[in-house]
Protein backbone atom coordinates (compact mmCIF):
# COMPACT_ATOMS: atom_id res chain seq x y z
CA MET A 1 -7.87 17.87 -23.13
CA SER A 2 -8.57 15.13 -25.66
CA ASN A 3 -10.30 11.79 -25.23
CA ILE A 4 -8.88 8.45 -26.26
CA SER A 5 -10.70 5.14 -26.53
CA ARG A 6 -9.87 2.36 -24.06
CA GLN A 7 -8.68 0.20 -26.97
CA ALA A 8 -6.33 2.88 -28.30
CA TYR A 9 -4.93 3.49 -24.79
CA ALA A 10 -4.37 -0.25 -24.25
CA ASP A 11 -2.64 -0.52 -27.64
CA MET A 12 -0.22 2.28 -26.71
CA PHE A 13 0.35 1.74 -22.97
CA GLY A 14 -0.99 -1.72 -22.05
CA PRO A 15 -3.83 -2.62 -19.72
CA THR A 16 -4.95 -0.24 -16.98
CA VAL A 17 -7.32 -0.25 -14.00
CA GLY A 18 -10.54 -2.12 -14.77
CA ASP A 19 -9.17 -3.96 -17.80
CA LYS A 20 -9.35 -7.76 -17.89
CA VAL A 21 -6.52 -9.84 -19.31
CA ARG A 22 -6.65 -13.51 -20.29
CA LEU A 23 -3.71 -15.56 -19.06
CA ALA A 24 -2.10 -17.37 -21.99
CA ASP A 25 -4.07 -20.38 -23.29
CA THR A 26 -6.11 -20.83 -20.12
CA GLU A 27 -9.60 -19.79 -19.16
CA LEU A 28 -8.12 -17.73 -16.31
CA TRP A 29 -8.73 -13.97 -16.36
CA ILE A 30 -7.23 -11.26 -14.18
CA GLU A 31 -8.51 -7.73 -13.63
CA VAL A 32 -6.10 -4.84 -13.14
CA GLU A 33 -6.90 -3.25 -9.76
CA ASP A 34 -4.07 -0.73 -9.38
CA ASP A 35 -1.95 1.09 -11.92
């Protein structure tokens, strides 16, 4: 089994559980709770 950094995973597959995503040009952030 190999390890992959969170950044590399996000670049390939998008955000996953625990990641925070900024909504457009706002100061609103969401956190992924379920994948």
